[in-house]
Amino acid sequence: MYYGDVCDEDFLHALFKNHSFSHVVHLAAQAGVRYSLKNPASYVHNNMECPMRLLEVISSYSAVKLVYASTSNVYGKNKEIPFHEGEKLKSPTNVYAVTKIFDEELVTLYCQYGGLQSLGLRFFTVYGPWGRPDMAGLMFAEAMVAGKPFTLYLPEANEGILQRDFTYIDDIVKGVVAALDYVPASCGETFNLAHGQSVPVSDLIRHLQHGLHIQPQVRLQPMPRGELVQTWADISRAARLLNYEPTINLQTGIALFVDWFKMYKKKRRSEEHDASTTPAEELYRKLKEESEERERIYGIQRFLADVEEQIARQTVLKEKYRSWANGNDVPVPDMTGKHNFTFHPHMMMRQTAAFVFLPYLARDVKSLRQICAWYEECVAFSTDGHLFRSVKPKSEWKRQFNETDEGLYVSEVDVCVADLHNCNSRSTCIADPETKSFRCECKSEYHATAAGSCIPAYTADREKEEQVGESDSFCRITFELAN
């Protein structure tokens, strides 16, 4: 068992490197309708940014299938009841729904462009033991045993009554397990997982009252923003392709939930009476400590391995540079000074490159800018060989090199080849390596004007005609076009 954050890519990569996963079941999310309207940024982070990082990690490993959780809220204000998977999701009513629609679209893209085998499951009002505390079943039960009132929302008169397709947790688990063996026929496939029956929320209250033997105190209030009046799933596709067959109706499910809830409350009261740690809590604490210690040791080992790999790579690059510099009579800085000399991947030498040491440009900003204007890349080092700054492209040189160093290495390239000239598409850059200058010559289909610009050949001919006074040809052309 590992404890970690889906947003932590290093943690996820470590898991995939240490274990060979064939399937990933992604159920982590920030759920809830009304809170998503109060704190949308939290939903964007947890439901959009984190799944994207997970997908990036999964896509780095082949033959991994993803099964992920979506929600009935994606259907929004769709008028067709019951909801079926083929509907277009055009009218979400809350931020939570928007983030889950984004997830479905994102997974589809990773399937289309990266070959990720994936399947989405749209859950409908899941209830049962260990359910979310903000869901109606547990929230209503807690209020009833505490003798407190709870709120039941009333839709507008023309909208009907509040109804939900309640799905017991055991049926959801069966659907998730079945999805693991299913091979998607195309990208973006989704399935509804529900009981397949829309039931008034008042029935839920009635079954809780019967199981708890407590008279509920219900406060009726208007429907808040973002809530759906009715949810009802068409589960025929899941039944046909996943052999999904829910067996627990609301009455049976609430009876099972109430049995668990009574034992849960009894245990909580016992724990509150006896402040000592329970065996379950002690086991949880030990497992967590062991997991954290394993992660700490693994982190240290990974860091040491990365350092060792970096040192080996730098040794090869430094020797390669020394060999090249000695063979080309180029001064080599001290690479073992107090500052460690480090080569970066983008500094790998090209066959056509020539590195020049320019210590006399220490604080001569004007000369520094002039020399950089003729090079593809300017890399500044201190006198002991410490990398100070690497700047590209050309547009950033003046701004970046206001702050100078004690030495400079530059990679010299042909100005025209490196596209460091200001010739436009109508002209060709002609370089003069000796003077480090260039000129722009008009291409064959263009003529050079006295001002030095290049114009199409037919335009030049037209200008010659106008210069000899043949303006009537222009009038004739205009007249003919008008007719």
Protein backbone atom coordinates (compact mmCIF):
# COMPACT_ATOMS: atom_id res chain seq x y z
CA MET A 1 0.00 0.00 0.00
CA TYR A 2 1.30 3.44 -0.95
CA TYR A 3 0.10 6.87 0.07
CA GLY A 4 0.65 9.63 -2.46
CA ASP A 5 -0.76 12.45 -4.53
CA VAL A 6 -1.96 11.88 -8.09
CA CYS A 7 -0.43 15.27 -8.92
CA ASP A 8 3.03 14.07 -7.84
CA GLU A 9 4.57 12.85 -11.11
CA ASP A 10 7.79 11.72 -9.40
CA PHE A 11 5.78 9.53 -7.02
CA LEU A 12 3.79 8.05 -9.93
CA HIS A 13 6.90 7.37 -12.02
CA ALA A 14 8.48 5.64 -9.04
CA LEU A 15 5.46 3.35 -8.70
CA PHE A 16 5.52 2.43 -12.38
CA LYS A 17 9.26 1.82 -12.36
CA ASN A 18 9.07 -0.49 -9.34
CA HIS A 19 5.92 -2.36 -10.37
CA SER A 20 4.60 -3.77 -13.63
CA PHE A 21 1.02 -2.50 -13.86
CA SER A 22 -1.38 -3.85 -16.47
CA HIS A 23 -4.39 -1.75 -15.36
CA VAL A 24 -4.94 1.58 -13.62
CA VAL A 25 -8.32 2.26 -11.97
CA HIS A 26 -8.48 6.00 -11.39
CA LEU A 27 -11.21 6.87 -8.87
CA ALA A 28 -9.55 9.84 -7.17
CA ALA A 29 -11.39 13.15 -7.66
CA GLN A 30 -12.96 16.06 -5.87
CA ALA A 31 -16.68 15.38 -6.08
CA GLY A 32 -19.68 17.47 -5.10
CA VAL A 33 -21.93 19.90 -6.95
CA ARG A 34 -22.58 22.90 -4.71
CA TYR A 35 -19.03 23.29 -3.38
CA SER A 36 -17.71 23.34 -6.95
CA LEU A 37 -19.57 26.64 -7.43
CA LYS A 38 -17.96 28.10 -4.28
CA ASN A 39 -14.39 26.92 -4.88
CA PRO A 40 -13.97 26.17 -8.60
CA ALA A 41 -10.17 26.52 -8.51
CA SER A 42 -9.89 23.48 -6.25
CA TYR A 43 -11.90 21.39 -8.75
CA VAL A 44 -9.81 22.59 -11.68
CA HIS A 45 -6.64 21.53 -9.87
CA ASN A 46 -7.81 18.17 -8.55
CA ASN A 47 -10.03 17.09 -11.46
CA MET A 48 -8.15 18.56 -14.44
CA GLU A 49 -4.49 19.20 -13.65
CA CYS A 50 -3.93 16.01 -11.63
CA PRO A 51 -5.55 13.60 -14.16
CA MET A 52 -3.45 15.21 -16.89
CA ARG A 53 -0.27 14.43 -14.95
CA LEU A 54 -1.46 10.87 -14.37
CA LEU A 55 -2.09 10.46 -18.10
CA GLU A 56 1.37 11.78 -18.88
CA VAL A 57 2.89 9.13 -16.63
CA ILE A 58 0.68 6.29 -17.92
CA SER A 59 1.45 7.21 -21.53
CA SER A 60 5.15 6.68 -20.82
CA TYR A 61 4.52 2.98 -20.22
CA SER A 62 3.12 0.66 -22.86
CA ALA A 63 0.30 -1.87 -22.45
CA VAL A 64 -1.38 -0.13 -19.52
CA LYS A 65 -5.18 0.09 -19.60
CA LEU A 66 -6.96 2.93 -17.81
CA VAL A 67 -10.41 2.66 -16.24
CA TYR A 68 -11.54 5.94 -14.74
CA ALA A 69 -14.57 7.33 -12.92
CA SER A 70 -16.83 9.98 -14.35
CA THR A 71 -20.22 11.17 -13.11
CA SER A 72 -23.90 11.40 -14.01
CA ASN A 73 -23.54 15.18 -13.68
CA VAL A 74 -21.98 15.34 -17.15
CA TYR A 75 -25.48 15.00 -18.67
CA GLY A 76 -26.51 18.34 -17.20
CA LYS A 77 -29.78 19.69 -18.58
CA ASN A 78 -30.10 17.09 -21.32
CA LYS A 79 -33.80 16.58 -21.93
CA GLU A 80 -33.73 12.97 -23.09
CA ILE A 81 -34.52 10.62 -20.20
CA PRO A 82 -33.09 8.13 -19.37
CA PHE A 83 -29.57 9.35 -20.07
CA HIS A 84 -27.60 7.25 -22.56
CA GLU A 85 -23.92 7.34 -23.41
CA GLY A 86 -24.38 8.57 -26.97
CA GLU A 87 -25.82 11.94 -25.98
CA LYS A 88 -23.81 15.09 -26.65
CA LEU A 89 -22.75 16.78 -23.42
CA LYS A 90 -23.70 20.38 -24.14
CA SER A 91 -25.34 21.71 -20.98
CA PRO A 92 -23.42 21.07 -17.73
CA THR A 93 -24.91 22.87 -14.74
CA ASN A 94 -21.91 23.07 -12.39
CA VAL A 95 -18.11 23.26 -12.33
CA TYR A 96 -17.78 19.66 -11.15
CA ALA A 97 -19.54 18.44 -14.29
CA VAL A 98 -17.36 20.63 -16.51
CA THR A 99 -14.16 19.17 -15.02
CA LYS A 100 -15.36 15.60 -15.59
CA ILE A 101 -16.35 16.34 -19.19
CA PHE A 102 -12.84 17.73 -19.63
CA ASP A 103 -11.42 14.48 -18.24
CA GLU A 104 -13.41 12.40 -20.72
CA GLU A 105 -12.26 14.53 -23.65
CA LEU A 106 -8.65 14.50 -22.42
CA VAL A 107 -8.57 10.72 -22.10
CA THR A 108 -10.01 10.46 -25.61
CA LEU A 109 -7.16 12.59 -26.97
CA TYR A 110 -4.54 10.44 -25.25
CA CYS A 111 -6.20 7.41 -26.83
CA GLN A 112 -6.31 8.96 -30.32
CA TYR A 113 -2.78 10.34 -30.34
CA GLY A 114 -0.99 8.06 -27.91
CA GLY A 115 -2.83 4.75 -28.21
CA LEU A 116 -3.90 4.70 -24.56
CA GLN A 117 -6.51 2.00 -24.00
CA SER A 118 -9.12 3.59 -21.73
CA LEU A 119 -12.69 3.33 -20.53
CA GLY A 120 -14.85 5.82 -18.62
CA LEU A 121 -17.52 4.88 -16.09
CA ARG A 122 -20.27 7.37 -15.27
CA PHE A 123 -21.43 6.68 -11.70
CA PHE A 124 -25.00 7.50 -10.65
CA THR A 125 -25.61 8.51 -6.98
CA VAL A 126 -23.54 5.83 -5.26
CA TYR A 127 -24.53 4.99 -1.68
CA GLY A 128 -23.69 2.35 0.91
CA PRO A 129 -21.17 1.70 3.73
CA TRP A 130 -18.29 4.20 4.01
CA GLY A 131 -19.96 6.59 1.61
CA ARG A 132 -19.10 10.25 1.20
CA PRO A 133 -20.36 12.36 4.14
CA ASP A 134 -21.87 14.95 1.78
CA MET A 135 -24.11 12.39 0.06
CA ALA A 136 -27.78 12.19 1.01
CA GLY A 137 -27.75 8.71 2.58
CA LEU A 138 -25.08 9.32 5.23
CA MET A 139 -25.93 12.98 5.70
CA PHE A 140 -29.63 12.28 6.35
CA ALA A 141 -28.84 9.34 8.67
CA GLU A 142 -26.39 11.40 10.75
CA ALA A 143 -28.96 14.18 11.15
CA MET A 144 -31.73 11.75 12.15
CA VAL A 145 -29.74 10.00 14.90
CA ALA A 146 -28.61 13.40 16.19
CA GLY A 147 -32.23 14.65 16.31
CA LYS A 148 -31.42 17.48 13.88
CA PRO A 149 -33.32 18.66 10.82
CA PHE A 150 -31.95 18.24 7.31
CA THR A 151 -32.82 19.89 4.00
CA LEU A 152 -34.79 18.42 1.12
CA TYR A 153 -34.78 20.54 -2.03
CA LEU A 154 -37.94 21.21 -3.99
CA PRO A 155 -37.77 21.86 -7.74
CA GLU A 156 -39.99 24.43 -9.43
CA ALA A 157 -43.62 23.42 -9.88
CA ASN A 158 -43.15 22.72 -13.60
CA GLU A 159 -39.99 20.64 -13.10
CA GLY A 160 -41.47 17.65 -11.29
CA ILE A 161 -40.05 16.07 -8.13
CA LEU A 162 -36.47 15.46 -7.02
CA GLN A 163 -35.41 12.00 -8.23
CA ARG A 164 -32.18 10.04 -8.34
CA ASP A 165 -30.96 6.77 -9.85
CA PHE A 166 -29.51 5.39 -6.58
CA THR A 167 -26.77 2.76 -7.05
CA TYR A 168 -25.54 0.53 -4.23
CA ILE A 169 -21.76 0.35 -3.87
CA ASP A 170 -21.56 -3.43 -4.43
CA ASP A 171 -23.16 -3.05 -7.87
CA ILE A 172 -20.69 -0.30 -8.74
CA VAL A 173 -17.78 -2.54 -7.74
CA LYS A 174 -19.08 -5.31 -10.01
CA GLY A 175 -19.24 -2.86 -12.89
CA VAL A 176 -15.68 -1.62 -12.31
CA VAL A 177 -14.32 -5.18 -12.19
CA ALA A 178 -16.19 -6.06 -15.40
CA ALA A 179 -14.72 -3.00 -17.10
CA LEU A 180 -11.18 -4.29 -16.47
CA ASP A 181 -11.73 -7.19 -18.87
CA TYR A 182 -13.51 -5.17 -21.55
CA VAL A 183 -11.51 -4.22 -24.67
CA PRO A 184 -12.73 -0.84 -25.99
CA ALA A 185 -13.64 -0.84 -29.68
CA SER A 186 -12.86 2.86 -30.08
CA CYS A 187 -11.48 5.87 -28.25
CA GLY A 188 -13.70 7.73 -25.78
CA GLU A 189 -15.94 4.85 -24.79
CA THR A 190 -18.03 5.37 -21.63
CA PHE A 191 -20.60 3.32 -19.71
CA ASN A 192 -23.39 4.28 -17.33
CA LEU A 193 -23.16 2.40 -14.03
CA ALA A 194 -26.45 2.76 -12.17
CA HIS A 195 -29.40 0.76 -10.95
CA GLY A 196 -31.39 1.83 -14.00
CA GLN A 197 -34.38 3.19 -12.09
CA SER A 198 -35.20 6.77 -11.09
CA VAL A 199 -36.59 6.98 -7.55
CA PRO A 200 -37.94 10.00 -5.59
CA VAL A 201 -35.52 11.17 -2.88
CA SER A 202 -38.49 11.04 -0.51
CA ASP A 203 -38.35 7.22 -0.84
CA LEU A 204 -34.78 7.30 0.48
CA ILE A 205 -35.98 9.22 3.56
CA ARG A 206 -38.85 6.80 4.06
CA HIS A 207 -36.54 3.75 3.98
CA LEU A 208 -34.13 5.44 6.44
CA GLN A 209 -37.02 6.18 8.78
CA HIS A 210 -38.10 2.53 8.65
CA GLY A 211 -34.58 1.21 9.29
CA LEU A 212 -33.57 3.67 12.03
CA HIS A 213 -37.02 3.92 13.65
CA ILE A 214 -36.59 7.69 13.88
CA GLN A 215 -38.98 10.37 12.70
CA PRO A 216 -37.05 12.66 10.32
CA GLN A 217 -37.15 16.45 10.63
CA VAL A 218 -37.26 17.67 7.04
CA ARG A 219 -36.80 21.29 5.96
CA LEU A 220 -38.07 22.05 2.49
CA GLN A 221 -36.08 24.60 0.47
CA PRO A 222 -35.93 25.68 -3.18
CA MET A 223 -33.47 23.90 -5.46
CA PRO A 224 -29.99 25.51 -5.41
CA ARG A 225 -28.02 26.35 -8.51
CA GLY A 226 -26.24 23.53 -10.27
CA GLU A 227 -28.33 20.60 -9.01
CA LEU A 228 -30.14 18.28 -11.40
CA VAL A 229 -33.84 17.63 -10.82
CA GLN A 230 -33.68 14.04 -12.05
CA THR A 231 -31.06 11.45 -12.93
CA TRP A 232 -31.88 8.19 -14.65
CA ALA A 233 -29.45 5.99 -16.54
CA ASP A 234 -29.93 3.80 -19.56
CA ILE A 235 -27.73 0.83 -18.60
CA SER A 236 -28.56 -1.37 -21.60
CA ARG A 237 -25.14 -0.82 -23.17
CA ALA A 238 -23.32 -1.83 -19.96
CA ALA A 239 -25.59 -4.87 -19.66
CA ARG A 240 -24.84 -5.92 -23.25
CA LEU A 241 -21.08 -5.34 -23.33
CA LEU A 242 -20.02 -5.69 -19.67
CA ASN A 243 -22.66 -8.18 -18.53
CA TYR A 244 -23.48 -5.56 -15.91
CA GLU A 245 -26.58 -6.49 -13.91
CA PRO A 246 -27.31 -4.53 -10.70
CA THR A 247 -29.16 -6.61 -8.12
CA ILE A 248 -29.69 -4.35 -5.09
CA ASN A 249 -32.70 -2.02 -5.17
CA LEU A 250 -33.05 1.04 -2.93
CA GLN A 251 -35.07 -0.68 -0.21
CA THR A 252 -32.58 -3.55 0.15
CA GLY A 253 -29.59 -1.23 -0.18
CA ILE A 254 -30.79 1.13 2.56
CA ALA A 255 -31.43 -1.86 4.85
CA LEU A 256 -27.81 -2.98 4.32
CA PHE A 257 -26.58 0.58 4.81
CA VAL A 258 -28.54 1.00 8.06
CA ASP A 259 -27.07 -2.24 9.47
CA TRP A 260 -23.57 -0.94 8.75
CA PHE A 261 -24.42 2.54 10.04
CA LYS A 262 -25.61 1.23 13.40
CA MET A 263 -22.40 -0.77 13.90
CA TYR A 264 -20.34 2.23 12.77
CA LYS A 265 -22.01 4.56 15.29
CA LYS A 266 -21.68 1.99 18.08
CA LYS A 267 -17.97 1.63 17.36
CA ARG A 268 -17.47 5.39 17.26
CA ARG A 269 -19.19 5.82 20.63
CA SER A 270 -16.98 3.08 22.10
CA GLU A 271 -13.87 4.75 20.72
CA GLU A 272 -14.92 8.13 22.11
CA HIS A 273 -15.52 6.53 25.51
CA ASP A 274 -12.16 4.72 25.42
CA ALA A 275 -9.55 7.20 24.24
CA SER A 276 -6.96 4.47 23.66
CA THR A 277 -6.01 3.62 20.08
CA THR A 278 -8.01 0.83 18.48
CA PRO A 279 -6.24 -2.13 16.85
CA ALA A 280 -7.41 -0.96 13.43
CA GLU A 281 -6.02 2.52 14.00
CA GLU A 282 -2.75 1.10 15.31
CA LEU A 283 -2.42 -1.11 12.22
CA TYR A 284 -3.16 1.87 9.98
CA ARG A 285 -0.52 3.94 11.77
CA LYS A 286 2.12 1.21 11.38
CA LEU A 287 1.33 0.69 7.72
CA LYS A 288 1.57 4.42 7.08
CA GLU A 289 4.88 4.73 8.92
CA GLU A 290 6.32 1.77 7.02
CA SER A 291 5.16 3.24 3.72
CA GLU A 292 6.66 6.64 4.53
CA GLU A 293 9.97 5.03 5.54
CA ARG A 294 10.09 3.02 2.30
CA GLU A 295 9.41 6.18 0.32
CA ARG A 296 12.13 8.05 2.23
CA ILE A 297 14.70 5.34 1.56
CA TYR A 298 13.64 5.07 -2.06
CA GLY A 299 13.91 8.85 -2.45
CA ILE A 300 17.47 8.84 -1.12
CA GLN A 301 18.43 5.92 -3.38
CA ARG A 302 16.87 7.60 -6.40
CA PHE A 303 18.69 10.87 -5.64
CA LEU A 304 22.05 9.12 -5.30
CA ALA A 305 21.47 7.21 -8.53
CA ASP A 306 20.58 10.42 -10.37
CA VAL A 307 23.71 12.14 -9.02
CA GLU A 308 25.89 9.24 -10.06
CA GLU A 309 24.37 9.20 -13.53
CA GLN A 310 24.83 12.98 -13.85
CA ILE A 311 28.50 12.78 -12.81
CA ALA A 312 29.18 10.02 -15.34
CA ARG A 313 27.48 11.95 -18.13
CA GLN A 314 29.33 15.16 -17.28
CA THR A 315 32.66 13.33 -17.24
CA VAL A 316 32.09 12.09 -20.78
CA LEU A 317 31.05 15.54 -22.01
CA LYS A 318 33.99 17.29 -20.36
CA GLU A 319 36.48 14.86 -21.87
CA LYS A 320 34.85 15.30 -25.26
CA TYR A 321 35.16 19.08 -24.93
CA ARG A 322 38.78 18.92 -23.77
CA SER A 323 39.70 16.72 -26.71
CA TRP A 324 38.00 19.04 -29.18
CA ALA A 325 39.43 22.22 -27.64
CA ASN A 326 43.00 20.88 -27.52
CA GLY A 327 42.77 19.84 -31.15
CA ASN A 328 41.56 23.28 -32.22
CA ASP A 329 43.90 25.39 -30.09
CA VAL A 330 41.02 26.74 -27.93
CA PRO A 331 41.72 27.64 -24.26
CA VAL A 332 40.12 25.23 -21.84
CA PRO A 333 38.80 26.66 -18.53
CA ASP A 334 39.46 24.99 -15.20
CA MET A 335 36.66 22.46 -14.81
CA THR A 336 37.60 21.44 -11.27
CA GLY A 337 37.42 24.81 -9.48
CA LYS A 338 35.23 25.74 -6.57
CA HIS A 339 32.26 25.94 -8.94
CA ASN A 340 31.56 22.71 -10.74
CA PHE A 341 31.65 23.12 -14.52
CA THR A 342 28.40 21.71 -15.94
CA PHE A 343 27.44 20.97 -19.52
CA HIS A 344 23.73 21.05 -20.34
CA PRO A 345 22.07 18.89 -23.04
CA HIS A 346 21.44 21.87 -25.36
CA MET A 347 25.21 22.61 -25.29
CA MET A 348 26.13 19.39 -27.09
CA MET A 349 28.66 20.36 -29.77
CA ARG A 350 27.55 20.22 -33.37
CA GLN A 351 29.98 19.15 -36.06
CA THR A 352 29.88 22.61 -37.68
CA ALA A 353 30.29 24.56 -34.43
CA ALA A 354 33.39 26.44 -33.30
CA PHE A 355 33.78 27.48 -29.66
CA VAL A 356 35.65 30.73 -29.00
CA PHE A 357 36.92 32.00 -25.64
CA LEU A 358 36.47 35.78 -25.28
CA PRO A 359 37.75 36.89 -21.84
CA TYR A 360 38.39 40.45 -23.02
CA LEU A 361 34.61 41.05 -23.20
CA ALA A 362 34.35 40.78 -19.42
CA ARG A 363 32.25 43.89 -18.84
CA ASP A 364 32.14 45.43 -22.32
CA VAL A 365 28.38 45.22 -22.88
CA LYS A 366 28.51 46.97 -26.27
CA SER A 367 31.08 44.55 -27.72
CA LEU A 368 29.25 41.64 -26.09
CA ARG A 369 26.03 42.54 -27.91
CA GLN A 370 27.86 43.04 -31.19
CA ILE A 371 29.58 39.66 -31.07
CA CYS A 372 26.37 37.90 -30.00
CA ALA A 373 24.56 39.41 -32.97
CA TRP A 374 26.54 37.05 -35.23
CA TYR A 375 26.14 33.84 -33.22
CA GLU A 376 23.35 31.38 -32.83
CA GLU A 377 24.00 30.84 -29.14
CA CYS A 378 25.87 32.83 -26.48
CA VAL A 379 26.96 30.86 -23.43
CA ALA A 380 28.63 32.80 -20.62
CA PHE A 381 30.98 31.23 -18.08
CA SER A 382 32.92 32.56 -15.14
CA THR A 383 36.72 32.34 -15.26
CA ASP A 384 36.69 29.09 -13.29
CA GLY A 385 34.34 27.51 -15.79
CA HIS A 386 30.98 27.93 -14.01
CA LEU A 387 28.00 28.21 -16.38
CA PHE A 388 26.55 31.67 -15.96
CA ARG A 389 23.91 32.08 -18.63
CA SER A 390 22.78 30.54 -21.89
CA VAL A 391 20.57 32.66 -24.10
CA LYS A 392 18.61 32.01 -27.26
CA PRO A 393 16.93 33.08 -29.46
CA LYS A 394 18.36 36.34 -30.77
CA SER A 395 15.41 38.46 -29.60
CA GLU A 396 16.40 37.87 -25.96
CA TRP A 397 20.13 38.67 -26.16
CA LYS A 398 20.07 42.39 -25.36
CA ARG A 399 17.72 41.97 -22.43
CA GLN A 400 19.49 38.94 -20.98
CA PHE A 401 23.08 40.10 -21.43
CA ASN A 402 22.81 43.40 -19.60
CA GLU A 403 24.33 41.37 -16.78
CA THR A 404 27.81 40.31 -17.89
CA ASP A 405 30.30 37.69 -16.71
CA GLU A 406 34.10 37.33 -16.69
CA GLY A 407 34.27 35.22 -19.81
CA LEU A 408 32.26 33.98 -22.76
CA TYR A 409 31.99 30.96 -24.97
CA VAL A 410 30.01 31.29 -28.18
CA SER A 411 29.02 28.78 -30.81
CA GLU A 412 29.87 30.27 -34.19
CA VAL A 413 27.60 29.46 -37.13
CA ASP A 414 26.85 30.78 -40.59
CA VAL A 415 24.55 33.81 -40.20
CA CYS A 416 22.35 32.90 -43.16
CA VAL A 417 22.12 29.22 -42.26
CA ALA A 418 21.19 30.08 -38.67
CA ASP A 419 18.50 32.47 -39.91
CA LEU A 420 19.96 35.43 -38.00
CA HIS A 421 19.43 37.92 -40.84
CA ASN A 422 16.60 40.32 -41.62
CA CYS A 423 16.01 39.30 -45.23
CA ASN A 424 12.34 38.72 -46.06
CA SER A 425 10.79 35.87 -48.04
CA ARG A 426 11.32 37.73 -51.32
CA SER A 427 15.09 37.87 -50.95
CA THR A 428 17.99 35.53 -50.32
CA CYS A 429 20.64 35.95 -47.63
CA ILE A 430 24.22 36.03 -48.98
CA ALA A 431 26.82 35.76 -46.19
CA ASP A 432 30.41 37.01 -46.15
CA PRO A 433 32.24 34.91 -43.51
CA GLU A 434 35.39 37.05 -43.56
CA THR A 435 33.67 40.33 -42.67
CA LYS A 436 30.80 38.67 -40.75
CA SER A 437 28.36 40.65 -42.88
CA PHE A 438 25.53 39.72 -45.21
CA ARG A 439 23.40 41.22 -47.96
CA CYS A 440 19.89 40.49 -49.20
CA GLU A 441 19.51 39.79 -52.91
CA CYS A 442 16.06 39.70 -54.53
CA LYS A 443 14.97 36.32 -55.83
CA SER A 444 14.61 35.79 -59.61
CA GLU A 445 10.86 36.45 -59.67
CA TYR A 446 11.31 39.84 -57.95
CA HIS A 447 12.91 43.18 -58.89
CA ALA A 448 14.93 45.43 -56.59
CA THR A 449 13.65 48.98 -56.16
CA ALA A 450 15.79 52.06 -55.59
CA ALA A 451 14.79 51.93 -51.94
CA GLY A 452 16.22 48.42 -51.65
CA SER A 453 12.93 46.49 -51.38
CA CYS A 454 11.87 43.57 -53.60
CA ILE A 455 8.64 43.78 -55.63
CA PRO A 456 7.04 41.25 -58.00
CA ALA A 457 8.30 41.44 -61.60
CA TYR A 458 4.88 42.31 -63.08
CA THR A 459 4.59 45.27 -60.72
CA ALA A 460 7.94 46.57 -61.92
CA ASP A 461 6.76 46.32 -65.54
CA ARG A 462 3.56 48.17 -64.67
CA GLU A 463 5.56 50.97 -63.04
CA LYS A 464 7.63 51.34 -66.23
CA GLU A 465 4.42 51.64 -68.29
CA GLU A 466 3.06 54.33 -66.00
CA GLN A 467 6.36 56.22 -66.13
CA VAL A 468 6.09 56.57 -69.99
CA GLY A 469 2.55 57.91 -69.71
CA GLU A 470 0.47 54.89 -70.68
CA SER A 471 -2.16 55.64 -68.08
CA ASP A 472 -5.04 54.98 -70.51
CA SER A 473 -4.32 51.24 -70.32
CA PHE A 474 -5.18 51.39 -66.62
CA CYS A 475 -8.48 53.13 -67.46
CA ARG A 476 -9.35 50.50 -70.08
CA ILE A 477 -8.71 47.67 -67.66
CA THR A 478 -10.84 49.31 -65.01
CA PHE A 479 -13.68 49.90 -67.45
CA GLU A 480 -13.63 46.33 -68.74
CA LEU A 481 -13.71 44.92 -65.22
CA ALA A 482 -16.63 47.17 -64.36
CA ASN A 483 -18.63 45.84 -67.30
